Amino acid sequence: MIKNSLGKEFLIKKTDDIIIQFFRYGFAGGIAFAVDFSLLYILTDFFHIYYLVSAAISFIPGIAVNYVLSIHWVFNNRVLKNKSAEFFFFT
C-alpha cells in the first residue's frame, strides 16, 4: 500500500515537493530530448533536409513538449499569468 501511494504521488498527484519536481523535470527534459532528436534524425536522414535547418525545426516541438509537461505535470505554481510571456521566458 505504501509503494502504491508513493507511485501515485510521484507520477500523478500535483506536488510542491522540490525533490519530486526535480525528478519530474528531468524526465520531462528526457522526453523533450527524445522528441527533438527523433525529429532531427527523421528530417535529416529520411527527408534529406540540411542538418542545421532540421535542428531548428526539431527544436520547436521539443521545447513545446518540455513546456507543456512542465506546466501541467512538474510545477504547480506559475509566476506569470500571460502564457505567451511565460513560454517566451521558458524558452
C-alpha atoms as a PDB file:
ATOM      1  CA  MET A   1       0.000   0.000   0.000  1.00  0.00           C
ATOM      2  CA  ILE A   2       2.818   2.411   0.802  1.00  0.00           C
ATOM      3  CA  LYS A   3       4.525   1.638  -2.501  1.00  0.00           C
ATOM      4  CA  ASN A   4       1.316   2.314  -4.453  1.00  0.00           C
ATOM      5  CA  SER A   5       0.669   5.677  -2.782  1.00  0.00           C
ATOM      6  CA  LEU A   6       4.298   6.711  -3.319  1.00  0.00           C
ATOM      7  CA  GLY A   7       3.986   5.860  -7.018  1.00  0.00           C
ATOM      8  CA  LYS A   8       0.795   7.899  -7.319  1.00  0.00           C
ATOM      9  CA  GLU A   9       2.400  10.860  -5.560  1.00  0.00           C
ATOM     10  CA  PHE A  10       5.489  10.647  -7.710  1.00  0.00           C
ATOM     11  CA  LEU A  11       3.744  10.187 -11.056  1.00  0.00           C
ATOM     12  CA  ILE A  12       0.228  11.578 -10.834  1.00  0.00           C
ATOM     13  CA  LYS A  13      -0.553  13.902  -7.947  1.00  0.00           C
ATOM     14  CA  LYS A  14       0.347  17.560  -8.047  1.00  0.00           C
ATOM     15  CA  THR A  15       3.052  18.306  -5.537  1.00  0.00           C
ATOM     16  CA  ASP A  16       5.177  21.110  -4.167  1.00  0.00           C
ATOM     17  CA  ASP A  17       7.926  18.705  -3.106  1.00  0.00           C
ATOM     18  CA  ILE A  18      11.096  20.043  -4.737  1.00  0.00           C
ATOM     19  CA  ILE A  19      12.707  16.586  -4.984  1.00  0.00           C
ATOM     20  CA  ILE A  20       9.756  15.133  -6.883  1.00  0.00           C
ATOM     21  CA  GLN A  21       9.641  18.213  -9.123  1.00  0.00           C
ATOM     22  CA  PHE A  22      13.372  17.813  -9.799  1.00  0.00           C
ATOM     23  CA  PHE A  23      12.940  14.225 -10.992  1.00  0.00           C
ATOM     24  CA  ARG A  24       9.818  15.063 -12.970  1.00  0.00           C
ATOM     25  CA  TYR A  25      11.643  17.922 -14.698  1.00  0.00           C
ATOM     26  CA  GLY A  26      14.494  15.583 -15.595  1.00  0.00           C
ATOM     27  CA  PHE A  27      12.007  13.089 -17.010  1.00  0.00           C
ATOM     28  CA  ALA A  28      10.182  15.817 -18.949  1.00  0.00           C
ATOM     29  CA  GLY A  29      13.518  17.009 -20.317  1.00  0.00           C
ATOM     30  CA  GLY A  30      14.323  13.468 -21.419  1.00  0.00           C
ATOM     31  CA  ILE A  31      11.031  13.197 -23.278  1.00  0.00           C
ATOM     32  CA  ALA A  32      11.605  16.592 -24.906  1.00  0.00           C
ATOM     33  CA  PHE A  33      15.117  15.491 -25.917  1.00  0.00           C
ATOM     34  CA  ALA A  34      13.707  12.304 -27.458  1.00  0.00           C
ATOM     35  CA  VAL A  35      11.184  14.333 -29.486  1.00  0.00           C
ATOM     36  CA  ASP A  36      13.839  16.830 -30.585  1.00  0.00           C
ATOM     37  CA  PHE A  37      16.473  14.237 -31.505  1.00  0.00           C
ATOM     38  CA  SER A  38      13.998  11.901 -33.231  1.00  0.00           C
ATOM     39  CA  LEU A  39      12.680  14.707 -35.412  1.00  0.00           C
ATOM     40  CA  LEU A  40      16.229  15.840 -36.182  1.00  0.00           C
ATOM     41  CA  TYR A  41      17.114  12.313 -37.300  1.00  0.00           C
ATOM     42  CA  ILE A  42      13.949  11.854 -39.372  1.00  0.00           C
ATOM     43  CA  LEU A  43      14.178  15.231 -41.081  1.00  0.00           C
ATOM     44  CA  THR A  44      17.880  14.853 -41.844  1.00  0.00           C
ATOM     45  CA  ASP A  45      18.123  11.188 -42.847  1.00  0.00           C
ATOM     46  CA  PHE A  46      14.737  10.492 -44.394  1.00  0.00           C
ATOM     47  CA  PHE A  47      13.730  13.862 -45.811  1.00  0.00           C
ATOM     48  CA  HIS A  48      17.324  14.955 -46.593  1.00  0.00           C
ATOM     49  CA  ILE A  49      16.889  18.379 -45.047  1.00  0.00           C
ATOM     50  CA  TYR A  50      20.127  20.185 -44.209  1.00  0.00           C
ATOM     51  CA  TYR A  51      21.027  19.327 -40.611  1.00  0.00           C
ATOM     52  CA  LEU A  52      21.050  22.927 -39.326  1.00  0.00           C
ATOM     53  CA  VAL A  53      17.574  23.529 -40.729  1.00  0.00           C
ATOM     54  CA  SER A  54      16.442  20.190 -39.276  1.00  0.00           C
ATOM     55  CA  ALA A  55      17.846  21.183 -35.888  1.00  0.00           C
ATOM     56  CA  ALA A  56      15.954  24.475 -35.917  1.00  0.00           C
ATOM     57  CA  ILE A  57      12.714  22.766 -36.938  1.00  0.00           C
ATOM     58  CA  SER A  58      13.029  19.921 -34.419  1.00  0.00           C
ATOM     59  CA  PHE A  59      13.852  22.317 -31.580  1.00  0.00           C
ATOM     60  CA  ILE A  60      10.385  23.873 -31.712  1.00  0.00           C
ATOM     61  CA  PRO A  61       8.344  20.708 -30.930  1.00  0.00           C
ATOM     62  CA  GLY A  62      10.985  19.675 -28.376  1.00  0.00           C
ATOM     63  CA  ILE A  63      10.694  22.893 -26.401  1.00  0.00           C
ATOM     64  CA  ALA A  64       6.893  22.830 -26.729  1.00  0.00           C
ATOM     65  CA  VAL A  65       6.739  19.319 -25.247  1.00  0.00           C
ATOM     66  CA  ASN A  66       9.037  20.395 -22.408  1.00  0.00           C
ATOM     67  CA  TYR A  67       6.891  23.468 -21.692  1.00  0.00           C
ATOM     68  CA  VAL A  68       3.585  21.577 -21.712  1.00  0.00           C
ATOM     69  CA  LEU A  69       4.908  18.814 -19.459  1.00  0.00           C
ATOM     70  CA  SER A  70       6.449  21.371 -17.125  1.00  0.00           C
ATOM     71  CA  ILE A  71       3.312  23.454 -16.638  1.00  0.00           C
ATOM     72  CA  HIS A  72       0.888  20.526 -16.411  1.00  0.00           C
ATOM     73  CA  TRP A  73       2.928  17.884 -14.611  1.00  0.00           C
ATOM     74  CA  VAL A  74       6.078  19.243 -12.974  1.00  0.00           C
ATOM     75  CA  PHE A  75       5.282  22.606 -11.413  1.00  0.00           C
ATOM     76  CA  ASN A  76       2.150  23.793  -9.594  1.00  0.00           C
ATOM     77  CA  ASN A  77       2.847  27.487  -9.226  1.00  0.00           C
ATOM     78  CA  ARG A  78       3.003  29.891 -12.130  1.00  0.00           C
ATOM     79  CA  VAL A  79       4.609  33.281 -11.744  1.00  0.00           C
ATOM     80  CA  LEU A  80       3.331  34.833 -14.969  1.00  0.00           C
ATOM     81  CA  LYS A  81      -0.345  34.906 -15.899  1.00  0.00           C
ATOM     82  CA  ASN A  82       0.375  35.669 -19.567  1.00  0.00           C
ATOM     83  CA  LYS A  83       1.074  32.280 -21.188  1.00  0.00           C
ATOM     84  CA  SER A  84       2.843  33.797 -24.191  1.00  0.00           C
ATOM     85  CA  ALA A  85       5.269  35.714 -21.980  1.00  0.00           C
ATOM     86  CA  GLU A  86       5.745  32.629 -19.814  1.00  0.00           C
ATOM     87  CA  PHE A  87       6.593  30.498 -22.870  1.00  0.00           C
ATOM     88  CA  PHE A  88       8.980  33.194 -24.122  1.00  0.00           C
ATOM     89  CA  PHE A  89      10.882  33.278 -20.820  1.00  0.00           C
ATOM     90  CA  PHE A  90      10.760  29.486 -20.549  1.00  0.00           C
ATOM     91  CA  THR A  91      12.363  29.179 -23.963  1.00  0.00           C
END
